[in-house]
Amino acid sequence: MDYNSFEHTTFDSLEQFEDDACFYILKIANESIAAKQSFNLVLCGGGTPKNIYAKLANIVTDWSKWHIFFGDERCLPFDHSERNSVMVEECLISKSSIPHKQVHFIEGELGNIAAANEYDSLLNAVEDFDLVLLGFGEDGHTASLFPGHEWDNSKNAVAVFDAPKPPSERVSLTPSRLSRTKNILFLITGKNKVDAFKQWQTKNDLPVSDISALNEKKIYTFNVV
């Protein structure tokens, strides 16, 4: 989706960036639970959302209605510190009351092909997401969709080979499945993202350009100048 179709908010402080992200997640959660008694949320990995997830664990909500999914995962042992699942478990899952059976991890320890096939099958039975959170790398990647790579966009999830940053093997949701969401929020921080972010704004030739949402499309940035 063209950058100009997104609502872009720039924050003056990291605390404000994180607090507003939490507020927005809670807003969509409340709306979704009121409308259909469930909230389907896709989480992103990386360093940017860690404090957001930690703050989110302290909100007042009906955790029994939350269903957690992952935009991507690194193919590493299940307890490896670089796994997205480990970070989310430590920051959010273990400190909230989300039922563990409603946290749908990508089992990267199975290897990228097996894990992608399993998650693809799981998502066949899942309705559209209510909110997708995505990051943005200094090379312009999002989830584990890297510039210059190709993927089968008819799938929900795909195996990733030869990622330009370790580990080389990963699993990622596809742009088509990430776009099956009512709302989407990109969380972007850091001066090292400036060049890639300008590329998104001007050329629309990055993987993010293939991702959209049915309703609200937002970008939050801090220190990307």
Protein backbone atom coordinates (compact mmCIF):
# COMPACT_ATOMS: atom_id res chain seq x y z
CA MET A 1 0.00 0.00 0.00
CA ASP A 2 1.25 3.46 -0.89
CA TYR A 3 2.85 5.28 2.06
CA ASN A 4 0.43 8.18 1.59
CA SER A 5 -2.53 5.97 2.47
CA PHE A 6 -1.19 5.66 6.04
CA GLU A 7 -1.75 8.09 8.90
CA HIS A 8 1.77 8.96 10.10
CA THR A 9 2.33 10.24 13.65
CA THR A 10 5.78 11.36 14.83
CA PHE A 11 6.47 11.45 18.57
CA ASP A 12 8.82 13.72 20.50
CA SER A 13 9.67 11.15 23.17
CA LEU A 14 10.06 7.40 23.31
CA GLU A 15 7.76 7.24 26.33
CA GLN A 16 4.99 9.00 24.44
CA PHE A 17 5.54 6.69 21.46
CA GLU A 18 5.18 3.62 23.68
CA ASP A 19 2.24 4.94 25.69
CA ASP A 20 0.27 5.90 22.60
CA ALA A 21 0.93 2.49 21.06
CA CYS A 22 -0.44 0.83 24.21
CA PHE A 23 -3.47 3.11 24.19
CA TYR A 24 -4.19 2.30 20.55
CA ILE A 25 -3.85 -1.45 21.09
CA LEU A 26 -6.23 -1.26 24.05
CA LYS A 27 -8.69 0.84 22.02
CA ILE A 28 -8.85 -1.76 19.24
CA ALA A 29 -9.02 -4.59 21.80
CA ASN A 30 -11.99 -2.99 23.54
CA GLU A 31 -13.79 -2.34 20.26
CA SER A 32 -13.21 -5.90 19.04
CA ILE A 33 -14.28 -7.53 22.30
CA ALA A 34 -17.42 -5.40 22.43
CA ALA A 35 -18.29 -6.29 18.84
CA LYS A 36 -17.50 -10.01 18.73
CA GLN A 37 -16.15 -11.17 22.09
CA SER A 38 -12.61 -11.73 20.82
CA PHE A 39 -9.47 -9.82 19.85
CA ASN A 40 -7.02 -11.26 17.31
CA LEU A 41 -3.66 -9.51 17.58
CA VAL A 42 -0.50 -10.10 15.53
CA LEU A 43 2.72 -9.17 17.33
CA CYS A 44 6.02 -8.10 15.81
CA GLY A 45 9.48 -8.88 17.14
CA GLY A 46 12.66 -6.85 17.48
CA GLY A 47 13.71 -4.32 20.07
CA THR A 48 11.18 -1.56 19.36
CA PRO A 49 8.08 -3.22 20.87
CA LYS A 50 9.64 -4.72 24.02
CA ASN A 51 8.69 -1.89 26.37
CA ILE A 52 5.30 -1.60 24.70
CA TYR A 53 4.57 -5.24 25.50
CA ALA A 54 5.80 -4.79 29.07
CA LYS A 55 3.49 -1.80 29.54
CA LEU A 56 0.65 -3.65 27.86
CA ALA A 57 0.85 -6.38 30.51
CA ASN A 58 -0.35 -3.83 33.09
CA ILE A 59 -3.50 -2.66 31.32
CA VAL A 60 -7.01 -3.53 32.48
CA THR A 61 -8.70 -5.73 29.88
CA ASP A 62 -10.50 -9.03 29.51
CA TRP A 63 -7.44 -11.13 28.72
CA SER A 64 -9.61 -14.22 28.21
CA LYS A 65 -10.74 -12.72 24.89
CA TRP A 66 -7.24 -12.10 23.52
CA HIS A 67 -5.73 -14.35 20.82
CA ILE A 68 -2.07 -13.75 20.02
CA PHE A 69 -0.36 -14.51 16.71
CA PHE A 70 3.12 -13.74 15.37
CA GLY A 71 4.13 -11.95 12.19
CA ASP A 72 7.35 -13.93 11.93
CA GLU A 73 9.80 -16.11 13.83
CA ARG A 74 13.46 -17.03 13.71
CA CYS A 75 14.30 -20.71 13.31
CA LEU A 76 16.22 -21.20 16.53
CA PRO A 77 15.83 -23.51 19.57
CA PHE A 78 12.54 -22.82 21.37
CA ASP A 79 14.25 -21.18 24.36
CA HIS A 80 16.80 -19.12 22.40
CA SER A 81 16.99 -15.49 23.53
CA GLU A 82 16.73 -14.24 19.94
CA ARG A 83 13.34 -15.87 19.40
CA ASN A 84 10.40 -13.47 19.13
CA SER A 85 8.37 -15.93 21.19
CA VAL A 86 10.85 -15.74 24.09
CA MET A 87 10.75 -11.94 24.15
CA VAL A 88 6.94 -11.88 24.04
CA GLU A 89 6.69 -14.57 26.72
CA GLU A 90 8.98 -12.62 29.05
CA CYS A 91 7.49 -9.17 28.46
CA LEU A 92 3.79 -9.90 28.03
CA ILE A 93 2.50 -13.46 28.28
CA SER A 94 4.07 -14.37 31.64
CA LYS A 95 2.95 -11.05 33.17
CA SER A 96 -0.64 -11.03 31.97
CA SER A 97 -3.58 -13.41 32.13
CA ILE A 98 -3.78 -14.33 28.45
CA PRO A 99 -4.69 -18.05 28.33
CA HIS A 100 -1.64 -19.89 27.02
CA LYS A 101 -3.78 -21.93 24.64
CA GLN A 102 -4.70 -18.63 22.95
CA VAL A 103 -1.07 -17.73 22.26
CA HIS A 104 -0.22 -19.20 18.87
CA PHE A 105 3.55 -19.47 18.60
CA ILE A 106 5.37 -20.22 15.36
CA GLU A 107 7.39 -23.34 16.15
CA GLY A 108 10.62 -22.22 14.53
CA GLU A 109 12.54 -25.02 16.21
CA LEU A 110 10.91 -27.41 13.70
CA GLY A 111 12.77 -25.75 10.82
CA ASN A 112 11.39 -23.16 8.46
CA ILE A 113 9.51 -25.46 6.06
CA ALA A 114 7.73 -27.54 8.71
CA ALA A 115 6.98 -24.52 10.90
CA ALA A 116 5.64 -22.50 7.97
CA ASN A 117 3.40 -25.34 6.83
CA GLU A 118 2.04 -25.79 10.34
CA TYR A 119 1.32 -22.09 10.83
CA ASP A 120 -0.18 -21.82 7.37
CA SER A 121 -2.64 -24.58 8.26
CA LEU A 122 -3.45 -23.00 11.62
CA LEU A 123 -4.25 -19.65 9.99
CA ASN A 124 -6.64 -21.27 7.53
CA ALA A 125 -9.07 -21.55 10.44
CA VAL A 126 -8.52 -17.98 11.69
CA GLU A 127 -10.72 -15.06 10.65
CA ASP A 128 -9.31 -11.68 9.72
CA PHE A 129 -7.04 -10.16 12.35
CA ASP A 130 -8.24 -7.16 14.33
CA LEU A 131 -4.82 -5.53 14.60
CA VAL A 132 -1.41 -6.27 13.11
CA LEU A 133 1.72 -4.73 14.63
CA LEU A 134 4.75 -4.53 12.37
CA GLY A 135 8.27 -3.21 12.66
CA PHE A 136 10.55 -1.86 9.96
CA GLY A 137 14.22 -2.70 9.51
CA GLU A 138 17.08 -0.49 8.39
CA ASP A 139 17.13 -2.46 5.12
CA GLY A 140 13.39 -1.94 4.64
CA HIS A 141 12.24 -5.39 5.73
CA THR A 142 9.11 -6.01 7.78
CA ALA A 143 8.25 -9.26 9.58
CA SER A 144 10.75 -11.52 7.77
CA LEU A 145 9.88 -10.17 4.33
CA PHE A 146 13.16 -8.87 2.93
CA PRO A 147 13.68 -6.62 -0.11
CA GLY A 148 14.61 -8.63 -3.19
CA HIS A 149 13.09 -11.86 -1.89
CA GLU A 150 10.10 -13.61 -3.42
CA TRP A 151 7.32 -15.57 -1.70
CA ASP A 152 4.10 -17.39 -2.48
CA ASN A 153 1.51 -14.75 -1.64
CA SER A 154 -1.30 -17.30 -1.88
CA LYS A 155 -0.07 -18.76 1.41
CA ASN A 156 -0.71 -17.52 4.93
CA ALA A 157 2.86 -18.23 6.04
CA VAL A 158 6.04 -19.10 4.15
CA ALA A 159 9.51 -20.44 4.83
CA VAL A 160 12.25 -17.84 4.49
CA PHE A 161 15.71 -18.83 3.28
CA ASP A 162 18.89 -16.76 3.04
CA ALA A 163 17.74 -13.87 5.20
CA PRO A 164 20.45 -11.19 4.96
CA LYS A 165 20.69 -11.02 8.75
CA PRO A 166 21.03 -14.06 11.03
CA PRO A 167 19.48 -16.47 11.40
CA SER A 168 19.12 -17.09 7.68
CA GLU A 169 16.13 -19.41 8.09
CA ARG A 170 12.85 -17.92 9.31
CA VAL A 171 9.09 -18.11 8.97
CA SER A 172 6.99 -15.11 7.95
CA LEU A 173 3.39 -14.30 7.34
CA THR A 174 2.85 -13.16 3.76
CA PRO A 175 1.76 -9.67 2.72
CA SER A 176 -1.63 -11.04 1.70
CA ARG A 177 -2.25 -12.59 5.15
CA LEU A 178 -0.90 -9.59 7.03
CA SER A 179 -3.31 -7.47 5.00
CA ARG A 180 -6.26 -9.54 6.14
CA THR A 181 -6.64 -7.27 9.14
CA LYS A 182 -9.03 -4.57 10.14
CA ASN A 183 -6.23 -2.33 11.43
CA ILE A 184 -2.47 -2.10 11.12
CA LEU A 185 0.18 -0.19 13.07
CA PHE A 186 3.83 0.14 12.08
CA LEU A 187 6.20 0.87 14.98
CA ILE A 188 9.43 2.48 13.77
CA THR A 189 12.27 3.98 15.83
CA GLY A 190 15.88 4.92 15.19
CA LYS A 191 18.00 7.09 12.92
CA ASN A 192 19.31 3.95 11.21
CA LYS A 193 15.87 3.56 9.59
CA VAL A 194 15.91 6.99 7.90
CA ASP A 195 17.12 5.96 4.44
CA ALA A 196 14.82 2.95 4.18
CA PHE A 197 11.86 4.97 5.44
CA LYS A 198 12.49 7.65 2.81
CA GLN A 199 12.59 4.88 0.21
CA TRP A 200 9.15 3.71 1.33
CA GLN A 201 7.85 7.28 1.16
CA THR A 202 9.14 7.95 -2.35
CA LYS A 203 9.48 4.69 -4.28
CA ASN A 204 7.02 2.17 -2.84
CA ASP A 205 9.27 -0.71 -3.90
CA LEU A 206 9.72 -2.35 -0.48
CA PRO A 207 7.76 -5.31 0.97
CA VAL A 208 5.74 -2.90 3.15
CA SER A 209 4.20 -1.52 -0.04
CA ASP A 210 2.31 -4.80 -0.48
CA ILE A 211 0.67 -4.62 2.97
CA SER A 212 -2.59 -2.88 3.80
CA ALA A 213 -5.62 -3.07 6.11
CA LEU A 214 -9.39 -2.88 5.83
CA ASN A 215 -9.84 0.06 8.21
CA GLU A 216 -7.15 2.07 10.00
CA LYS A 217 -3.60 2.17 8.66
CA LYS A 218 -1.15 3.89 11.01
CA ILE A 219 2.57 4.54 11.28
CA TYR A 220 4.14 5.64 14.58
CA THR A 221 7.72 6.90 14.45
CA PHE A 222 10.22 8.20 16.97
CA ASN A 223 13.71 9.51 16.17
CA VAL A 224 13.40 8.65 12.47
CA VAL A 225 14.74 11.95 11.10
